[in-house]
Amino acid sequence: MDMEGPAEKYIRWSEHCVWHSFGGSLTILRLSRTEPGLIPEDEKSAGMRLNSVGKDLWNLCDGTRTLDDIVEQLLEEYEGEPEKIRNDVQKVISNLKEKEFLTYEEEIKDYDDVEVPPRKYVMWDDDVLWNEVEGQVIAMNNKTGISLEFSTELSEVWKLCDGTRSAGEIISVLEEKGLVNEDAPSGGFYLLLKQLAKLGMVTVRDAPAQ
């Protein structure tokens, strides 16, 4: 693990992950080019869950701050020994960097984020072809070559992305189907939609498809 820290480099979210807040915590999910997911079960999977302090740290990693800047900001919000807080922050950042959730940049660099607001409409990308076999969807973007295999549950999500429903309406339908529950909260499905948008499998639009 890189314990030397990024020194004067700017700490920035990786382009290869998406994240979503779940109450006081935050879940980060690495983009999969073969199989989408919801909420990672543990840190050994394709994702990681941060507590409220980790969430605050993560939100500061927008590429405009160095390690010293982040530590200084957190010291204004949390009480504790400055050296210990710095060491803890450095360890978390190094861990996130090792898992490819963060990058170190030589200069400030804009981050191309993808949002899927509840009122925006979600539709399969024009370059995507898909087919359903025995209840499971296989989709491929002919332009990027990215292909995804969906479980039966997630196939239901995919089939709702026909452009006639907003993200919020998709979640409502999933709730009616019993797919949104205590074990699979709505935030996990928003995370999935964000993952699909980042991979170019769906587009987010202001108006419904005609």
N, C-alpha and C. Protein backbone atom coordinates (compact mmCIF):
# COMPACT_ATOMS: atom_id res chain seq x y z
N MET A 1 0.84 -1.19 0.00
CA MET A 1 0.00 0.00 0.00
C MET A 1 0.87 1.24 0.00
N ASP A 2 0.48 2.25 -0.76
CA ASP A 2 1.24 3.49 -0.84
C ASP A 2 0.97 4.32 0.39
N MET A 3 1.90 4.23 1.37
CA MET A 3 1.71 4.96 2.61
C MET A 3 2.44 6.30 2.62
N GLU A 4 3.13 6.61 1.52
CA GLU A 4 3.84 7.88 1.47
C GLU A 4 2.91 9.04 1.18
N GLY A 5 1.72 8.72 0.67
CA GLY A 5 0.76 9.78 0.42
C GLY A 5 1.02 10.48 -0.89
N PRO A 6 0.08 11.30 -1.33
CA PRO A 6 0.18 11.97 -2.62
C PRO A 6 0.98 13.26 -2.59
N ALA A 7 1.53 13.63 -1.42
CA ALA A 7 2.34 14.85 -1.29
C ALA A 7 1.56 16.05 -1.83
N GLU A 8 2.11 16.71 -2.85
CA GLU A 8 1.47 17.92 -3.38
C GLU A 8 0.49 17.63 -4.51
N LYS A 9 0.22 16.37 -4.77
CA LYS A 9 -0.70 16.03 -5.85
C LYS A 9 -2.15 16.24 -5.41
N TYR A 10 -2.99 16.47 -6.40
CA TYR A 10 -4.41 16.65 -6.13
C TYR A 10 -5.12 15.30 -6.13
N ILE A 11 -5.98 15.11 -5.15
CA ILE A 11 -6.65 13.81 -4.96
C ILE A 11 -8.03 13.88 -5.59
N ARG A 12 -8.29 12.94 -6.49
CA ARG A 12 -9.49 13.04 -7.33
C ARG A 12 -10.17 11.68 -7.47
N TRP A 13 -11.50 11.72 -7.53
CA TRP A 13 -12.26 10.49 -7.75
C TRP A 13 -11.86 9.87 -9.09
N SER A 14 -11.80 8.55 -9.13
CA SER A 14 -11.48 7.85 -10.37
C SER A 14 -12.66 7.91 -11.34
N GLU A 15 -12.35 7.90 -12.62
CA GLU A 15 -13.40 7.88 -13.64
C GLU A 15 -14.06 6.51 -13.73
N HIS A 16 -13.50 5.52 -13.04
CA HIS A 16 -13.97 4.15 -13.17
C HIS A 16 -14.81 3.69 -11.99
N CYS A 17 -15.49 4.63 -11.35
CA CYS A 17 -16.37 4.24 -10.24
C CYS A 17 -17.56 5.19 -10.16
N VAL A 18 -18.58 4.75 -9.46
CA VAL A 18 -19.75 5.57 -9.15
C VAL A 18 -20.02 5.41 -7.67
N TRP A 19 -20.80 6.33 -7.11
CA TRP A 19 -21.09 6.24 -5.68
C TRP A 19 -22.45 6.84 -5.38
N HIS A 20 -22.98 6.46 -4.22
CA HIS A 20 -24.29 6.96 -3.81
C HIS A 20 -24.36 6.94 -2.29
N SER A 21 -25.02 7.96 -1.72
CA SER A 21 -25.17 8.04 -0.27
C SER A 21 -26.34 7.17 0.19
N PHE A 22 -26.13 6.47 1.29
CA PHE A 22 -27.17 5.67 1.93
C PHE A 22 -27.27 6.15 3.37
N GLY A 23 -28.11 7.15 3.61
CA GLY A 23 -28.19 7.72 4.95
C GLY A 23 -26.87 8.39 5.29
N GLY A 24 -26.28 7.98 6.40
CA GLY A 24 -25.02 8.58 6.82
C GLY A 24 -23.80 7.96 6.18
N SER A 25 -23.98 6.88 5.43
CA SER A 25 -22.84 6.21 4.81
C SER A 25 -22.83 6.46 3.30
N LEU A 26 -21.79 5.97 2.66
CA LEU A 26 -21.65 6.14 1.22
C LEU A 26 -21.06 4.87 0.64
N THR A 27 -21.62 4.39 -0.46
CA THR A 27 -21.11 3.19 -1.12
C THR A 27 -20.49 3.56 -2.46
N ILE A 28 -19.28 3.06 -2.69
CA ILE A 28 -18.57 3.27 -3.95
C ILE A 28 -18.57 1.96 -4.70
N LEU A 29 -18.84 2.02 -5.99
CA LEU A 29 -18.90 0.81 -6.81
C LEU A 29 -18.00 0.97 -8.02
N ARG A 30 -17.11 0.01 -8.22
CA ARG A 30 -16.26 0.04 -9.41
C ARG A 30 -17.09 -0.35 -10.62
N LEU A 31 -16.88 0.35 -11.72
CA LEU A 31 -17.62 0.06 -12.93
C LEU A 31 -17.22 -1.30 -13.48
N SER A 32 -18.22 -2.12 -13.75
CA SER A 32 -17.99 -3.43 -14.34
C SER A 32 -18.37 -3.38 -15.81
N ARG A 33 -17.51 -3.92 -16.65
CA ARG A 33 -17.78 -3.95 -18.09
C ARG A 33 -18.51 -5.23 -18.49
N THR A 34 -18.79 -6.09 -17.51
CA THR A 34 -19.43 -7.36 -17.85
C THR A 34 -20.68 -7.65 -17.04
N GLU A 35 -20.72 -7.18 -15.79
CA GLU A 35 -21.87 -7.52 -14.95
C GLU A 35 -22.15 -6.40 -13.96
N PRO A 36 -23.34 -5.79 -14.03
CA PRO A 36 -23.66 -4.70 -13.10
C PRO A 36 -23.99 -5.24 -11.72
N GLY A 37 -23.89 -4.37 -10.72
CA GLY A 37 -24.20 -4.80 -9.37
C GLY A 37 -24.96 -3.74 -8.61
N LEU A 38 -25.38 -4.09 -7.40
CA LEU A 38 -26.08 -3.13 -6.54
C LEU A 38 -25.15 -2.69 -5.42
N ILE A 39 -25.29 -3.25 -4.25
CA ILE A 39 -24.49 -2.84 -3.11
C ILE A 39 -23.46 -3.92 -2.81
N PRO A 40 -22.17 -3.58 -2.83
CA PRO A 40 -21.14 -4.58 -2.53
C PRO A 40 -21.32 -5.15 -1.13
N GLU A 41 -21.06 -6.44 -0.97
CA GLU A 41 -21.20 -7.08 0.33
C GLU A 41 -20.02 -6.80 1.24
N ASP A 42 -18.84 -6.64 0.68
CA ASP A 42 -17.67 -6.37 1.51
C ASP A 42 -16.60 -5.70 0.66
N GLU A 43 -15.50 -5.36 1.30
CA GLU A 43 -14.45 -4.62 0.62
C GLU A 43 -13.70 -5.46 -0.40
N LYS A 44 -13.88 -6.79 -0.37
CA LYS A 44 -13.20 -7.64 -1.33
C LYS A 44 -13.94 -7.68 -2.65
N SER A 45 -15.15 -7.15 -2.68
CA SER A 45 -15.93 -7.16 -3.91
C SER A 45 -15.55 -5.94 -4.74
N ALA A 46 -16.41 -5.59 -5.68
CA ALA A 46 -16.11 -4.48 -6.58
C ALA A 46 -16.39 -3.13 -5.96
N GLY A 47 -16.69 -3.09 -4.67
CA GLY A 47 -17.04 -1.82 -4.06
C GLY A 47 -16.56 -1.69 -2.63
N MET A 48 -16.95 -0.56 -2.03
CA MET A 48 -16.52 -0.27 -0.67
C MET A 48 -17.55 0.65 -0.03
N ARG A 49 -17.84 0.42 1.23
CA ARG A 49 -18.78 1.27 1.96
C ARG A 49 -18.03 2.09 3.00
N LEU A 50 -18.29 3.39 3.02
CA LEU A 50 -17.64 4.31 3.95
C LEU A 50 -18.64 4.79 4.99
N ASN A 51 -18.17 4.97 6.23
CA ASN A 51 -19.04 5.52 7.26
C ASN A 51 -19.16 7.03 7.07
N SER A 52 -19.80 7.71 8.02
CA SER A 52 -20.07 9.14 7.86
C SER A 52 -18.79 9.96 7.76
N VAL A 53 -17.76 9.58 8.53
CA VAL A 53 -16.49 10.30 8.46
C VAL A 53 -15.81 10.05 7.11
N GLY A 54 -15.83 8.79 6.69
CA GLY A 54 -15.26 8.46 5.38
C GLY A 54 -16.00 9.16 4.26
N LYS A 55 -17.31 9.30 4.43
CA LYS A 55 -18.13 10.00 3.44
C LYS A 55 -17.69 11.46 3.32
N ASP A 56 -17.47 12.10 4.46
CA ASP A 56 -17.01 13.49 4.44
C ASP A 56 -15.65 13.61 3.76
N LEU A 57 -14.78 12.65 4.04
CA LEU A 57 -13.46 12.65 3.40
C LEU A 57 -13.61 12.49 1.89
N TRP A 58 -14.43 11.52 1.49
CA TRP A 58 -14.63 11.24 0.06
C TRP A 58 -15.14 12.48 -0.68
N ASN A 59 -16.07 13.19 -0.07
CA ASN A 59 -16.65 14.36 -0.73
C ASN A 59 -15.63 15.47 -0.97
N LEU A 60 -14.52 15.41 -0.25
CA LEU A 60 -13.47 16.42 -0.42
C LEU A 60 -12.48 16.05 -1.53
N CYS A 61 -12.59 14.82 -2.04
CA CYS A 61 -11.62 14.34 -3.04
C CYS A 61 -12.09 14.66 -4.46
N ASP A 62 -12.38 15.93 -4.70
CA ASP A 62 -12.93 16.34 -5.99
C ASP A 62 -11.86 16.81 -6.97
N GLY A 63 -10.60 16.61 -6.62
CA GLY A 63 -9.52 16.98 -7.52
C GLY A 63 -9.02 18.40 -7.35
N THR A 64 -9.57 19.13 -6.38
CA THR A 64 -9.14 20.51 -6.16
C THR A 64 -8.30 20.64 -4.89
N ARG A 65 -8.09 19.52 -4.18
CA ARG A 65 -7.39 19.56 -2.89
C ARG A 65 -6.26 18.54 -2.83
N THR A 66 -5.21 18.91 -2.12
CA THR A 66 -4.12 17.99 -1.81
C THR A 66 -4.43 17.31 -0.48
N LEU A 67 -3.56 16.41 -0.06
CA LEU A 67 -3.73 15.74 1.23
C LEU A 67 -3.79 16.77 2.36
N ASP A 68 -2.88 17.74 2.34
CA ASP A 68 -2.87 18.76 3.39
C ASP A 68 -4.17 19.55 3.41
N ASP A 69 -4.71 19.86 2.23
CA ASP A 69 -5.97 20.60 2.16
C ASP A 69 -7.11 19.81 2.79
N ILE A 70 -7.15 18.51 2.49
CA ILE A 70 -8.22 17.65 3.01
C ILE A 70 -8.11 17.52 4.52
N VAL A 71 -6.90 17.31 5.01
CA VAL A 71 -6.68 17.20 6.45
C VAL A 71 -7.09 18.49 7.15
N GLU A 72 -6.71 19.62 6.58
CA GLU A 72 -7.05 20.92 7.17
C GLU A 72 -8.56 21.10 7.25
N GLN A 73 -9.27 20.69 6.20
CA GLN A 73 -10.73 20.81 6.19
C GLN A 73 -11.36 19.92 7.25
N LEU A 74 -10.88 18.70 7.38
CA LEU A 74 -11.45 17.77 8.36
C LEU A 74 -11.14 18.19 9.79
N LEU A 75 -9.99 18.83 9.99
CA LEU A 75 -9.65 19.31 11.33
C LEU A 75 -10.59 20.41 11.79
N GLU A 76 -11.21 21.10 10.84
CA GLU A 76 -12.18 22.13 11.19
C GLU A 76 -13.51 21.52 11.61
N GLU A 77 -13.75 20.27 11.20
CA GLU A 77 -15.04 19.63 11.45
C GLU A 77 -14.98 18.59 12.56
N TYR A 78 -13.79 18.03 12.81
CA TYR A 78 -13.66 16.96 13.80
C TYR A 78 -12.58 17.29 14.82
N GLU A 79 -12.85 16.91 16.07
CA GLU A 79 -11.87 17.11 17.13
C GLU A 79 -10.94 15.90 17.20
N GLY A 80 -9.70 16.15 17.56
CA GLY A 80 -8.75 15.05 17.69
C GLY A 80 -7.33 15.54 17.51
N GLU A 81 -6.38 14.65 17.76
CA GLU A 81 -4.97 14.96 17.60
C GLU A 81 -4.67 15.13 16.11
N PRO A 82 -4.19 16.30 15.69
CA PRO A 82 -3.95 16.55 14.27
C PRO A 82 -3.10 15.49 13.58
N GLU A 83 -2.04 15.03 14.26
CA GLU A 83 -1.16 14.04 13.63
C GLU A 83 -1.88 12.71 13.43
N LYS A 84 -2.72 12.33 14.40
CA LYS A 84 -3.48 11.08 14.27
C LYS A 84 -4.50 11.18 13.14
N ILE A 85 -5.19 12.32 13.08
CA ILE A 85 -6.17 12.51 12.01
C ILE A 85 -5.49 12.47 10.65
N ARG A 86 -4.33 13.10 10.56
CA ARG A 86 -3.60 13.09 9.29
C ARG A 86 -3.22 11.66 8.90
N ASN A 87 -2.72 10.89 9.86
CA ASN A 87 -2.34 9.50 9.56
C ASN A 87 -3.54 8.67 9.14
N ASP A 88 -4.68 8.87 9.83
CA ASP A 88 -5.89 8.12 9.48
C ASP A 88 -6.37 8.49 8.08
N VAL A 89 -6.36 9.78 7.77
CA VAL A 89 -6.79 10.24 6.45
C VAL A 89 -5.87 9.67 5.38
N GLN A 90 -4.58 9.68 5.65
CA GLN A 90 -3.60 9.17 4.69
C GLN A 90 -3.82 7.69 4.42
N LYS A 91 -4.14 6.92 5.47
CA LYS A 91 -4.38 5.49 5.31
C LYS A 91 -5.62 5.23 4.46
N VAL A 92 -6.70 5.99 4.74
CA VAL A 92 -7.94 5.80 3.98
C VAL A 92 -7.73 6.16 2.52
N ILE A 93 -7.06 7.28 2.27
CA ILE A 93 -6.82 7.70 0.89
C ILE A 93 -5.94 6.69 0.16
N SER A 94 -4.92 6.18 0.83
CA SER A 94 -4.05 5.18 0.22
C SER A 94 -4.82 3.91 -0.12
N ASN A 95 -5.73 3.52 0.77
CA ASN A 95 -6.56 2.33 0.54
C ASN A 95 -7.48 2.54 -0.66
N LEU A 96 -8.10 3.71 -0.73
CA LEU A 96 -8.99 4.02 -1.84
C LEU A 96 -8.22 4.11 -3.15
N LYS A 97 -7.01 4.63 -3.08
CA LYS A 97 -6.16 4.71 -4.28
C LYS A 97 -5.78 3.30 -4.74
N GLU A 98 -5.44 2.44 -3.79
CA GLU A 98 -5.06 1.07 -4.12
C GLU A 98 -6.22 0.32 -4.78
N LYS A 99 -7.44 0.62 -4.36
CA LYS A 99 -8.63 -0.02 -4.93
C LYS A 99 -9.10 0.67 -6.21
N GLU A 100 -8.33 1.68 -6.64
CA GLU A 100 -8.59 2.40 -7.89
C GLU A 100 -9.87 3.23 -7.83
N PHE A 101 -10.22 3.69 -6.63
CA PHE A 101 -11.35 4.59 -6.48
C PHE A 101 -10.90 6.05 -6.51
N LEU A 102 -9.62 6.28 -6.26
CA LEU A 102 -9.04 7.62 -6.29
C LEU A 102 -7.81 7.64 -7.19
N THR A 103 -7.50 8.82 -7.71
CA THR A 103 -6.28 9.01 -8.48
C THR A 103 -5.53 10.22 -7.93
N TYR A 104 -4.23 10.28 -8.21
CA TYR A 104 -3.42 11.44 -7.84
C TYR A 104 -3.11 12.21 -9.11
N GLU A 105 -3.45 13.49 -9.13
CA GLU A 105 -3.25 14.31 -10.32
C GLU A 105 -2.19 15.39 -10.05
N GLU A 106 -1.44 15.72 -11.10
CA GLU A 106 -0.40 16.74 -10.98
C GLU A 106 -1.00 18.14 -10.92
N GLU A 107 -2.19 18.31 -11.49
CA GLU A 107 -2.85 19.61 -11.50
C GLU A 107 -4.35 19.43 -11.35
N ILE A 108 -5.04 20.51 -11.05
CA ILE A 108 -6.50 20.44 -10.90
C ILE A 108 -7.13 20.04 -12.22
N LYS A 109 -8.01 19.05 -12.15
CA LYS A 109 -8.61 18.49 -13.36
C LYS A 109 -10.10 18.28 -13.12
N ASP A 110 -10.92 18.78 -14.04
CA ASP A 110 -12.37 18.65 -13.90
C ASP A 110 -12.77 17.18 -13.88
N TYR A 111 -13.82 16.89 -13.10
CA TYR A 111 -14.33 15.53 -13.03
C TYR A 111 -15.64 15.44 -13.79
N ASP A 112 -15.71 14.50 -14.71
CA ASP A 112 -16.91 14.31 -15.53
C ASP A 112 -17.86 13.35 -14.82
N ASP A 113 -18.68 13.90 -13.94
CA ASP A 113 -19.58 13.07 -13.16
C ASP A 113 -20.88 12.81 -13.92
N VAL A 114 -21.57 11.76 -13.54
CA VAL A 114 -22.86 11.42 -14.13
C VAL A 114 -23.90 11.38 -13.02
N GLU A 115 -24.98 12.09 -13.21
CA GLU A 115 -26.05 12.10 -12.23
C GLU A 115 -27.32 11.52 -12.85
N VAL A 116 -28.12 10.87 -12.03
CA VAL A 116 -29.41 10.35 -12.47
C VAL A 116 -30.47 10.85 -11.50
N PRO A 117 -30.90 12.11 -11.66
CA PRO A 117 -31.90 12.68 -10.76
C PRO A 117 -33.23 11.95 -10.88
N PRO A 118 -34.00 11.90 -9.80
CA PRO A 118 -35.28 11.18 -9.81
C PRO A 118 -36.24 11.63 -10.91
N ARG A 119 -36.18 12.91 -11.30
CA ARG A 119 -37.14 13.41 -12.29
C ARG A 119 -36.66 13.30 -13.73
N LYS A 120 -35.44 12.83 -13.94
CA LYS A 120 -34.92 12.66 -15.29
C LYS A 120 -35.32 11.28 -15.83
N TYR A 121 -35.47 11.21 -17.14
CA TYR A 121 -35.90 9.97 -17.79
C TYR A 121 -34.69 9.15 -18.22
N VAL A 122 -34.82 7.84 -18.07
CA VAL A 122 -33.71 6.93 -18.37
C VAL A 122 -34.09 6.05 -19.56
N MET A 123 -33.20 6.02 -20.57
CA MET A 123 -33.49 5.27 -21.79
C MET A 123 -32.25 4.55 -22.29
N TRP A 124 -32.47 3.36 -22.84
CA TRP A 124 -31.36 2.61 -23.42
C TRP A 124 -30.65 3.48 -24.46
N ASP A 125 -29.33 3.42 -24.48
CA ASP A 125 -28.56 4.19 -25.45
C ASP A 125 -28.84 3.68 -26.86
N ASP A 126 -28.78 4.58 -27.83
CA ASP A 126 -29.09 4.22 -29.22
C ASP A 126 -28.15 3.15 -29.78
N ASP A 127 -26.94 3.05 -29.22
CA ASP A 127 -25.97 2.07 -29.74
C ASP A 127 -26.07 0.72 -29.04
N VAL A 128 -27.03 0.58 -28.14
CA VAL A 128 -27.15 -0.66 -27.37
C VAL A 128 -28.16 -1.61 -27.99
N LEU A 129 -27.74 -2.86 -28.12
CA LEU A 129 -28.64 -3.94 -28.52
C LEU A 129 -28.75 -4.91 -27.35
N TRP A 130 -29.94 -5.45 -27.14
CA TRP A 130 -30.09 -6.38 -26.02
C TRP A 130 -31.13 -7.44 -26.32
N ASN A 131 -31.02 -8.53 -25.59
CA ASN A 131 -31.93 -9.64 -25.77
C ASN A 131 -32.17 -10.29 -24.41
N GLU A 132 -33.33 -10.89 -24.27
CA GLU A 132 -33.68 -11.55 -23.01
C GLU A 132 -33.80 -13.05 -23.25
N VAL A 133 -33.07 -13.81 -22.46
CA VAL A 133 -33.09 -15.27 -22.58
C VAL A 133 -33.42 -15.86 -21.21
N GLU A 134 -34.57 -16.52 -21.13
CA GLU A 134 -35.01 -17.15 -19.89
C GLU A 134 -35.00 -16.17 -18.72
N GLY A 135 -35.51 -14.96 -18.98
CA GLY A 135 -35.65 -13.97 -17.91
C GLY A 135 -34.41 -13.16 -17.61
N GLN A 136 -33.31 -13.43 -18.30
CA GLN A 136 -32.07 -12.69 -18.06
C GLN A 136 -31.68 -11.91 -19.31
N VAL A 137 -31.34 -10.65 -19.11
CA VAL A 137 -31.00 -9.76 -20.21
C VAL A 137 -29.49 -9.74 -20.45
N ILE A 138 -29.12 -9.77 -21.72
CA ILE A 138 -27.74 -9.56 -22.14
C ILE A 138 -27.75 -8.34 -23.05
N ALA A 139 -26.96 -7.33 -22.71
CA ALA A 139 -26.95 -6.08 -23.48
C ALA A 139 -25.53 -5.74 -23.90
N MET A 140 -25.40 -5.13 -25.08
CA MET A 140 -24.08 -4.75 -25.58
C MET A 140 -24.15 -3.41 -26.28
N ASN A 141 -23.18 -2.56 -25.99
CA ASN A 141 -23.06 -1.29 -26.69
C ASN A 141 -22.14 -1.51 -27.89
N ASN A 142 -22.70 -1.42 -29.09
CA ASN A 142 -21.94 -1.70 -30.30
C ASN A 142 -20.81 -0.71 -30.54
N LYS A 143 -20.93 0.48 -29.98
CA LYS A 143 -19.91 1.51 -30.19
C LYS A 143 -18.71 1.32 -29.28
N THR A 144 -18.97 1.00 -28.01
CA THR A 144 -17.88 0.87 -27.04
C THR A 144 -17.43 -0.58 -26.85
N GLY A 145 -18.29 -1.53 -27.23
CA GLY A 145 -17.96 -2.93 -27.04
C GLY A 145 -18.27 -3.45 -25.65
N ILE A 146 -18.79 -2.59 -24.79
CA ILE A 146 -19.12 -3.01 -23.43
C ILE A 146 -20.37 -3.88 -23.46
N SER A 147 -20.29 -5.03 -22.78
CA SER A 147 -21.44 -5.93 -22.71
C SER A 147 -21.73 -6.25 -21.25
N LEU A 148 -23.00 -6.38 -20.92
CA LEU A 148 -23.43 -6.66 -19.56
C LEU A 148 -24.39 -7.83 -19.53
N GLU A 149 -24.23 -8.67 -18.52
CA GLU A 149 -25.17 -9.76 -18.28
C GLU A 149 -25.90 -9.46 -16.97
N PHE A 150 -27.22 -9.42 -17.02
CA PHE A 150 -28.02 -9.05 -15.86
C PHE A 150 -28.62 -10.28 -15.19
N SER A 151 -28.68 -10.23 -13.88
CA SER A 151 -29.42 -11.26 -13.16
C SER A 151 -30.90 -11.08 -13.46
N THR A 152 -31.71 -12.03 -13.05
CA THR A 152 -33.15 -11.92 -13.28
C THR A 152 -33.71 -10.66 -12.63
N GLU A 153 -33.26 -10.37 -11.42
CA GLU A 153 -33.74 -9.18 -10.70
C GLU A 153 -33.34 -7.90 -11.42
N LEU A 154 -32.08 -7.80 -11.81
CA LEU A 154 -31.62 -6.58 -12.46
C LEU A 154 -32.12 -6.47 -13.89
N SER A 155 -32.52 -7.59 -14.48
CA SER A 155 -33.14 -7.53 -15.81
C SER A 155 -34.44 -6.75 -15.75
N GLU A 156 -35.15 -6.85 -14.61
CA GLU A 156 -36.38 -6.09 -14.44
C GLU A 156 -36.09 -4.59 -14.46
N VAL A 157 -34.98 -4.19 -13.87
CA VAL A 157 -34.59 -2.78 -13.89
C VAL A 157 -34.30 -2.34 -15.32
N TRP A 158 -33.52 -3.15 -16.02
CA TRP A 158 -33.14 -2.81 -17.39
C TRP A 158 -34.36 -2.62 -18.28
N LYS A 159 -35.33 -3.51 -18.17
CA LYS A 159 -36.50 -3.45 -19.05
C LYS A 159 -37.36 -2.21 -18.79
N LEU A 160 -37.20 -1.61 -17.63
CA LEU A 160 -37.96 -0.39 -17.31
C LEU A 160 -37.31 0.87 -17.89
N CYS A 161 -36.08 0.73 -18.39
CA CYS A 161 -35.35 1.89 -18.91
C CYS A 161 -35.68 2.15 -20.38
N ASP A 162 -36.97 2.24 -20.69
CA ASP A 162 -37.40 2.41 -22.08
C ASP A 162 -37.63 3.87 -22.45
N GLY A 163 -37.30 4.78 -21.54
CA GLY A 163 -37.43 6.20 -21.83
C GLY A 163 -38.78 6.79 -21.50
N THR A 164 -39.73 5.97 -21.06
CA THR A 164 -41.06 6.47 -20.74
C THR A 164 -41.21 6.78 -19.25
N ARG A 165 -40.20 6.41 -18.47
CA ARG A 165 -40.27 6.60 -17.02
C ARG A 165 -39.06 7.38 -16.53
N SER A 166 -39.29 8.21 -15.53
CA SER A 166 -38.18 8.89 -14.87
C SER A 166 -37.51 7.89 -13.93
N ALA A 167 -36.34 8.27 -13.44
CA ALA A 167 -35.63 7.39 -12.50
C ALA A 167 -36.49 7.14 -11.26
N GLY A 168 -37.17 8.18 -10.79
CA GLY A 168 -38.04 8.03 -9.62
C GLY A 168 -39.19 7.08 -9.89
N GLU A 169 -39.74 7.15 -11.11
CA GLU A 169 -40.85 6.26 -11.47
C GLU A 169 -40.37 4.82 -11.59
N ILE A 170 -39.14 4.64 -12.07
CA ILE A 170 -38.58 3.29 -12.15
C ILE A 170 -38.48 2.69 -10.75
N ILE A 171 -38.00 3.48 -9.80
CA ILE A 171 -37.88 3.01 -8.42
C ILE A 171 -39.26 2.67 -7.86
N SER A 172 -40.27 3.48 -8.19
CA SER A 172 -41.63 3.23 -7.70
C SER A 172 -42.16 1.89 -8.21
N VAL A 173 -41.90 1.60 -9.49
CA VAL A 173 -42.33 0.32 -10.06
C VAL A 173 -41.62 -0.83 -9.37
N LEU A 174 -40.33 -0.66 -9.10
CA LEU A 174 -39.57 -1.70 -8.42
C LEU A 174 -40.10 -1.93 -7.00
N GLU A 175 -40.54 -0.85 -6.36
CA GLU A 175 -41.13 -0.99 -5.03
C GLU A 175 -42.43 -1.79 -5.10
N GLU A 176 -43.24 -1.53 -6.13
CA GLU A 176 -44.49 -2.26 -6.32
C GLU A 176 -44.23 -3.75 -6.57
N LYS A 177 -43.12 -4.04 -7.24
CA LYS A 177 -42.76 -5.43 -7.53
C LYS A 177 -42.10 -6.11 -6.34
N GLY A 178 -41.83 -5.34 -5.29
CA GLY A 178 -41.20 -5.90 -4.10
C GLY A 178 -39.70 -6.04 -4.21
N LEU A 179 -39.10 -5.44 -5.24
CA LEU A 179 -37.65 -5.55 -5.42
C LEU A 179 -36.90 -4.55 -4.55
N VAL A 180 -37.54 -3.45 -4.21
CA VAL A 180 -36.95 -2.49 -3.28
C VAL A 180 -37.42 -2.85 -1.88
N ASN A 181 -36.48 -3.18 -1.02
CA ASN A 181 -36.82 -3.59 0.34
C ASN A 181 -35.66 -3.26 1.27
N GLU A 182 -35.73 -3.78 2.48
CA GLU A 182 -34.70 -3.48 3.47
C GLU A 182 -33.33 -3.98 3.03
N ASP A 183 -33.31 -5.13 2.38
CA ASP A 183 -32.03 -5.69 1.93
C ASP A 183 -31.54 -5.03 0.64
N ALA A 184 -32.45 -4.47 -0.14
CA ALA A 184 -32.09 -3.80 -1.39
C ALA A 184 -32.78 -2.44 -1.42
N PRO A 185 -32.24 -1.44 -0.72
CA PRO A 185 -32.87 -0.12 -0.65
C PRO A 185 -32.84 0.60 -1.99
N SER A 186 -33.68 1.62 -2.10
CA SER A 186 -33.80 2.35 -3.36
C SER A 186 -32.47 2.96 -3.79
N GLY A 187 -31.64 3.36 -2.82
CA GLY A 187 -30.36 3.96 -3.16
C GLY A 187 -29.48 3.03 -3.98
N GLY A 188 -29.60 1.73 -3.73
CA GLY A 188 -28.82 0.77 -4.49
C GLY A 188 -29.21 0.75 -5.96
N PHE A 189 -30.50 0.94 -6.22
CA PHE A 189 -30.96 0.95 -7.61
C PHE A 189 -30.58 2.26 -8.31
N TYR A 190 -30.57 3.36 -7.56
CA TYR A 190 -30.06 4.61 -8.14
C TYR A 190 -28.58 4.44 -8.50
N LEU A 191 -27.85 3.73 -7.64
CA LEU A 191 -26.44 3.47 -7.90
C LEU A 191 -26.28 2.64 -9.17
N LEU A 192 -27.16 1.67 -9.36
CA LEU A 192 -27.13 0.84 -10.57
C LEU A 192 -27.40 1.69 -11.81
N LEU A 193 -28.42 2.56 -11.75
CA LEU A 193 -28.74 3.41 -12.90
C LEU A 193 -27.57 4.34 -13.22
N LYS A 194 -26.91 4.82 -12.18
CA LYS A 194 -25.75 5.69 -12.39
C LYS A 194 -24.62 4.91 -13.04
N GLN A 195 -24.45 3.66 -12.63
CA GLN A 195 -23.43 2.80 -13.23
C GLN A 195 -23.71 2.59 -14.71
N LEU A 196 -24.97 2.32 -15.05
CA LEU A 196 -25.34 2.09 -16.44
C LEU A 196 -25.13 3.35 -17.28
N ALA A 197 -25.43 4.51 -16.70
CA ALA A 197 -25.23 5.77 -17.43
C ALA A 197 -23.75 6.04 -17.65
N LYS A 198 -22.94 5.78 -16.64
CA LYS A 198 -21.50 6.03 -16.75
C LYS A 198 -20.87 5.11 -17.80
N LEU A 199 -21.39 3.90 -17.94
CA LEU A 199 -20.88 2.95 -18.92
C LEU A 199 -21.41 3.21 -20.32
N GLY A 200 -22.34 4.16 -20.45
CA GLY A 200 -22.89 4.45 -21.76
C GLY A 200 -23.95 3.47 -22.22
N MET A 201 -24.52 2.73 -21.27
CA MET A 201 -25.57 1.77 -21.62
C MET A 201 -26.95 2.42 -21.64
N VAL A 202 -27.12 3.48 -20.87
CA VAL A 202 -28.37 4.25 -20.89
C VAL A 202 -28.02 5.73 -20.95
N THR A 203 -28.99 6.53 -21.38
CA THR A 203 -28.83 7.97 -21.37
C THR A 203 -29.87 8.58 -20.45
N VAL A 204 -29.56 9.74 -19.91
CA VAL A 204 -30.47 10.44 -19.00
C VAL A 204 -31.01 11.65 -19.74
N ARG A 205 -32.33 11.76 -19.81
CA ARG A 205 -32.98 12.78 -20.63
C ARG A 205 -33.94 13.64 -19.82
N ASP A 206 -34.19 14.83 -20.36
CA ASP A 206 -35.10 15.76 -19.69
C ASP A 206 -36.57 15.43 -19.94
N ALA A 207 -36.86 14.80 -21.07
CA ALA A 207 -38.25 14.51 -21.44
C ALA A 207 -38.40 13.03 -21.79
N PRO A 208 -39.61 12.49 -21.67
CA PRO A 208 -39.82 11.07 -21.99
C PRO A 208 -39.70 10.81 -23.49
N ALA A 209 -39.42 9.58 -23.84
CA ALA A 209 -39.33 9.18 -25.24
C ALA A 209 -40.71 9.24 -25.87
N GLN A 210 -40.74 9.62 -27.12
CA GLN A 210 -42.01 9.71 -27.84
C GLN A 210 -42.36 8.37 -28.48
